[in-house]
Protein backbone atom coordinates (compact mmCIF):
# COMPACT_ATOMS: atom_id res chain seq x y z
CA MET A 1 102.02 92.99 74.57
CA SER A 2 101.25 96.50 73.65
CA SER A 3 97.55 96.11 75.21
CA ALA A 4 98.88 95.62 78.49
CA PRO A 5 97.99 98.02 81.35
CA SER A 6 100.68 100.35 82.00
CA ARG A 7 101.99 101.18 85.94
CA PHE A 8 100.13 104.18 86.20
CA GLU A 9 96.93 102.08 85.17
CA VAL A 10 97.53 99.73 87.41
CA GLU A 11 98.21 101.99 90.36
CA HIS A 12 94.71 103.91 89.28
CA LEU A 13 93.53 100.77 90.06
CA HIS A 14 94.76 99.91 93.03
CA ARG A 15 93.57 102.78 94.59
CA LEU A 16 90.44 102.89 93.21
CA MET A 17 89.80 99.23 95.24
CA MET A 18 91.24 100.47 98.08
CA GLN A 19 88.62 103.24 98.59
CA ALA A 20 85.86 100.72 97.63
CA SER A 21 87.27 98.80 100.39
CA ALA A 22 87.07 101.58 102.66
CA ASP A 23 83.30 102.74 101.26
CA ALA A 24 82.24 99.07 102.63
CA SER A 25 84.44 99.07 106.09
CA GLN A 26 82.50 102.49 106.35
CA PHE A 27 79.18 100.94 105.62
CA ASP A 28 79.67 98.02 107.99
CA LYS A 29 80.69 100.06 111.05
CA ARG A 30 77.23 102.16 110.71
CA LEU A 31 75.14 99.45 110.20
CA LEU A 32 76.77 97.34 113.00
CA GLU A 33 76.15 100.65 115.27
CA GLU A 34 71.97 101.30 114.24
CA GLN A 35 71.84 97.40 114.96
CA LYS A 36 72.89 98.14 118.56
CA SER A 37 69.42 98.85 119.29
CA ASP A 38 65.85 98.08 118.43
CA GLY A 39 64.33 100.99 118.34
CA LEU A 40 61.75 99.67 120.64
CA SER A 41 62.59 100.99 123.83
CA GLY A 42 61.04 104.78 123.15
CA GLU A 43 58.17 102.18 122.38
CA LEU A 44 58.17 99.71 125.08
CA ARG A 45 58.78 103.31 127.91
CA HIS A 46 54.68 104.07 127.65
CA TRP A 47 53.88 100.46 128.37
CA HIS A 48 56.28 100.58 131.47
CA ASP A 49 54.94 103.55 133.02
CA ALA A 50 51.71 102.70 132.08
CA ALA A 51 51.92 99.88 134.17
CA ASP A 52 53.73 101.73 136.54
CA ALA A 53 51.26 104.42 137.29
CA ILE A 54 48.04 101.79 137.51
CA PHE A 55 50.21 99.43 140.30
CA GLY A 56 50.62 102.02 142.18
CA ALA A 57 46.88 103.39 142.55
CA VAL A 58 45.94 99.71 143.25
CA GLU A 59 48.73 99.13 146.06
CA ARG A 60 47.40 102.35 147.53
CA VAL A 61 43.94 101.59 147.56
CA LYS A 62 44.52 98.15 148.10
CA THR A 63 42.85 97.82 151.78
CA ASP A 64 39.85 99.55 150.69
CA LEU A 65 38.97 97.31 147.78
CA LEU A 66 39.95 94.11 151.10
CA ARG A 67 37.31 96.10 152.80
CA ASP A 68 35.26 96.57 149.84
CA GLY A 69 34.76 92.54 149.53
CA THR A 70 37.31 92.24 146.55
CA PRO A 71 38.70 88.93 146.85
CA LYS A 72 42.32 88.82 148.17
CA ASP A 73 43.63 86.25 145.10
CA GLN A 74 42.27 89.08 142.61
CA ILE A 75 43.64 91.82 144.10
CA GLU A 76 47.48 89.45 143.71
CA ARG A 77 46.01 88.57 140.42
CA ILE A 78 45.89 92.12 139.17
CA GLY A 79 49.53 92.98 140.86
CA ASP A 80 51.06 90.36 139.30
CA ARG A 81 49.85 91.11 136.12
CA LEU A 82 50.81 94.99 136.48
CA LYS A 83 54.81 93.91 138.19
CA GLU A 84 55.21 91.34 135.11
CA LEU A 85 54.61 94.14 132.31
CA LYS A 86 56.93 96.27 133.89
CA GLU A 87 59.59 93.64 133.88
CA ARG A 88 59.12 92.21 130.41
CA ALA A 89 59.09 96.15 129.34
CA LYS A 90 63.30 96.11 130.57
CA ARG A 91 63.87 93.34 128.33
CA PHE A 92 61.11 92.84 126.05
CA ASP A 93 61.41 90.02 123.25
CA VAL A 94 59.17 90.61 121.05
CA GLU A 95 59.13 87.17 119.69
CA SER A 96 58.54 85.39 122.81
CA ASP A 97 57.22 88.67 125.33
CA LEU A 98 54.08 90.17 122.80
CA ASP A 99 51.44 87.78 123.21
CA ASN A 100 51.75 87.12 126.68
CA CYS A 101 51.65 91.24 127.33
CA VAL A 102 48.89 92.06 125.15
CA GLN A 103 46.89 89.33 127.15
CA HIS A 104 47.86 90.51 130.43
CA TRP A 105 46.27 94.12 129.35
CA LYS A 106 43.07 92.71 127.84
CA SER A 107 42.49 90.78 131.59
CA LEU A 108 42.97 93.80 133.74
CA GLY A 109 40.35 95.36 131.88
CA LEU A 110 38.14 92.31 133.21
CA GLU A 111 39.81 92.20 136.32
CA PHE A 112 38.84 95.95 137.12
CA ALA A 113 35.79 95.96 135.92
CA GLN A 114 34.69 92.84 138.55
CA VAL A 115 36.04 94.52 141.92
CA SER A 116 34.12 95.76 144.35
CA GLY A 117 34.15 99.09 146.47
CA LYS A 118 34.03 102.82 145.53
CA ASN A 119 37.51 102.59 144.14
CA ARG A 120 36.32 100.12 140.72
CA ASP A 121 35.27 103.33 138.93
CA ALA A 122 38.78 105.60 139.74
CA LEU A 123 40.62 102.10 138.35
CA VAL A 124 38.59 101.58 135.16
CA LYS A 125 39.19 105.15 134.55
CA LEU A 126 42.68 105.13 134.85
CA LEU A 127 43.24 102.22 132.81
CA GLU A 128 40.86 103.70 130.36
CA SER A 129 43.01 106.79 130.55
CA ARG A 130 46.16 104.47 129.57
CA ARG A 131 44.52 102.29 126.46
CA GLN A 132 45.04 104.84 123.70
CA ASN A 133 48.64 104.53 124.19
CA VAL A 134 48.90 100.93 125.30
CA ASP A 135 47.01 100.00 121.97
CA ARG A 136 49.42 102.20 119.99
CA VAL A 137 52.43 100.47 121.67
CA THR A 138 50.70 97.28 120.77
CA GLY A 139 50.52 98.19 117.16
CA VAL A 140 54.25 99.21 117.10
CA LEU A 141 55.36 95.81 118.55
CA SER A 142 53.12 94.05 116.15
CA GLN A 143 54.92 95.41 113.41
CA ALA A 144 58.36 94.89 115.04
CA ARG A 145 57.47 91.78 114.98
CA LYS A 146 57.22 91.43 111.02
CA THR A 147 60.15 93.59 110.51
CA GLY A 148 62.83 91.31 112.31
CA GLY A 149 62.18 92.83 116.20
CA MET A 150 62.89 96.06 115.23
CA LEU A 151 61.00 99.12 114.82
CA PRO A 152 59.64 99.79 111.38
CA GLU A 153 61.58 103.38 110.47
CA LYS A 154 64.63 101.55 112.17
CA HIS A 155 64.21 98.63 110.27
CA ARG A 156 63.81 100.76 106.80
CA LYS A 157 67.46 102.65 107.78
CA VAL A 158 68.95 98.88 108.79
CA ARG A 159 68.03 97.40 105.37
CA ASP A 160 68.96 100.53 103.46
CA LEU A 161 72.93 100.53 105.35
CA GLN A 162 72.62 96.97 104.16
CA GLU A 163 71.91 97.51 100.72
CA GLN A 164 74.29 100.47 100.77
CA ARG A 165 77.28 97.85 102.43
CA ASP A 166 76.26 95.25 99.39
CA ARG A 167 76.57 97.70 96.37
CA ALA A 168 79.77 98.60 97.97
CA ARG A 169 81.24 95.00 98.43
CA GLU A 170 80.05 93.83 95.05
CA LYS A 171 82.05 97.57 93.64
CA TYR A 172 85.20 96.38 95.41
CA GLU A 173 84.89 93.06 94.48
CA ARG A 174 85.07 93.97 90.53
CA LEU A 175 88.09 96.30 91.21
CA ARG A 176 89.55 93.92 92.57
CA GLN A 177 89.66 91.40 90.47
CA LYS A 178 90.43 94.14 87.84
CA TYR A 179 93.43 95.10 89.45
CA LEU A 180 94.55 91.42 89.89
CA GLU A 181 94.32 90.70 86.18
CA ALA A 182 95.98 94.60 85.01
CA GLU A 183 99.19 93.78 87.49
CA ARG A 184 99.32 90.16 85.99
CA ASP A 185 99.27 91.54 82.57
CA HIS A 186 101.72 94.04 83.23
CA GLN A 187 103.91 91.81 84.96
CA ALA A 188 103.79 89.01 82.03
CA ALA A 189 104.50 92.27 79.90
CA GLU A 190 107.22 93.13 81.59
CA ARG A 191 108.72 89.79 81.65
CA GLN A 192 108.51 89.67 77.84
CA LYS A 193 110.32 92.75 77.29
CA GLN A 194 113.27 91.20 79.82
CA LEU A 195 113.43 88.56 77.72
CA GLN A 196 113.20 89.88 74.21
CA ALA A 197 116.08 91.97 75.73
CA GLN A 198 118.33 88.99 76.72
CA SER A 199 117.41 87.49 73.37
CA GLN A 200 118.97 90.70 71.25
CA GLU A 201 122.16 90.71 73.66
CA HIS A 202 122.35 87.24 73.01
CA GLN A 203 122.30 87.64 69.29
CA GLU A 204 124.48 90.61 69.41
CA LYS A 205 127.44 88.80 71.19
CA LYS A 206 126.99 85.61 68.66
CA ALA A 207 129.69 85.01 65.94
CA PRO A 208 128.48 85.82 62.32
CA LEU A 209 126.34 82.85 60.87
CA PRO A 210 127.50 81.65 57.42
CA ASN A 211 126.34 82.61 54.31
CA LEU A 212 124.95 79.09 53.59
CA ALA A 213 123.57 80.10 50.06
CA ALA A 214 127.11 81.41 48.80
CA LEU A 215 128.55 78.08 50.20
CA SER A 216 125.83 75.84 47.93
CA ALA A 217 126.59 78.13 45.32
CA GLN A 218 130.04 77.48 45.58
CA ALA A 219 129.85 73.61 45.99
CA LYS A 220 127.86 73.32 43.01
CA LYS A 221 130.37 75.05 40.79
CA GLY A 222 132.99 72.41 41.91
CA PRO A 223 135.76 72.16 44.30
CA ILE A 224 138.15 75.00 44.45
CA LEU A 225 141.78 74.76 42.90
CA VAL A 226 144.51 76.10 44.21
CA ARG A 227 147.86 76.44 41.79
CA LEU A 228 151.65 75.35 43.50
CA PRO A 229 154.42 77.77 42.76
CA ASP A 230 156.70 77.20 39.69
CA PRO A 231 160.21 76.04 41.09
CA LYS A 232 161.71 78.01 38.23
CA ALA A 233 159.76 81.09 38.66
CA ALA A 234 161.00 80.68 42.68
CA ALA A 235 165.07 80.54 41.96
CA GLN A 236 164.82 83.34 39.53
CA ALA A 237 163.24 85.29 41.79
CA LYS A 238 166.07 84.46 44.89
CA LEU A 239 168.69 85.81 42.20
CA PRO A 240 170.31 89.22 43.45
CA GLN A 241 169.47 91.88 41.14
CA THR A 242 172.73 93.95 39.95
CA GLN A 243 172.21 97.79 41.40
CA ALA A 244 173.70 100.42 39.49
CA LYS A 245 176.06 102.62 41.44
CA PRO A 246 175.44 105.98 42.10
CA ALA A 247 176.38 108.41 39.61
CA VAL A 248 179.87 110.72 41.91
CA LEU A 249 178.50 114.13 41.61
CA ALA A 250 181.02 116.79 40.61
CA ALA A 251 181.73 118.82 43.77
CA LYS A 252 181.71 122.17 43.13
CA PRO A 253 184.43 124.77 43.75
CA LEU A 254 185.19 126.15 46.66
CA PRO A 255 184.50 130.43 47.20
CA PRO A 256 187.64 132.61 47.17
CA ALA A 257 189.38 133.40 50.68
CA PRO A 258 188.50 137.15 51.76
CA PRO A 259 191.09 139.78 51.35
CA LYS A 260 193.31 140.87 54.06
CA PRO A 261 192.08 143.80 56.00
CA VAL A 262 194.92 146.42 55.98
CA VAL A 263 195.79 147.69 59.12
CA ALA A 264 197.17 151.53 58.59
CA LYS A 265 200.41 152.71 60.15
CA PRO A 266 200.75 155.56 62.71
């Protein structure tokens, strides 16, 4: 399998796949961190502070309001609305609480216009001083209800992180499929090489095959005749042959004896 990926290519794909997995995991962590808050707490703080300031003002002039003829149940109703606004602002659910809170703010304007006595104008003025910020927060919360209960800016950030996370996951899945395919092809190629090597070794160890073509040609010529030996020729071959005696070499004459040394007499 000449087209099969090499071990280096398989390992390279594996590294890319693991990096894509790490990227997707990182985006997951950032997304979870971003989703821990809806971004509305800062805005709701304005509602809470406004309700708390107005509630304190009403409590301070409560006795004067009663003395000037404001019904007790009306004063208590104003106090209950403000306390509920404060409590809802602490644990606000944009789906279930927004409409009720907006209704409370609207009703407070009507309630303050109906109180009696010299403190009415001061209370109305205090409410109006907070009206602009209250209306701004109301608009933000209304947008949040359309964006999954989050501050619009927060929702955009979360959506961007989700898209990045999804792209990272898709990239990981593509690389994972490529890696698995490459690993499978590489393993198949390695097995094929082993089988070829074993087959070659087996062929080398086998006895050589007969030349079938030569045997077939010989068979067409007829049977092979084998000549038996001639008995007479065999008998003659067994007779001993007379061997020529080697000639006697002539003996070489011995050299003469050396003369005796002459000894001088004294």
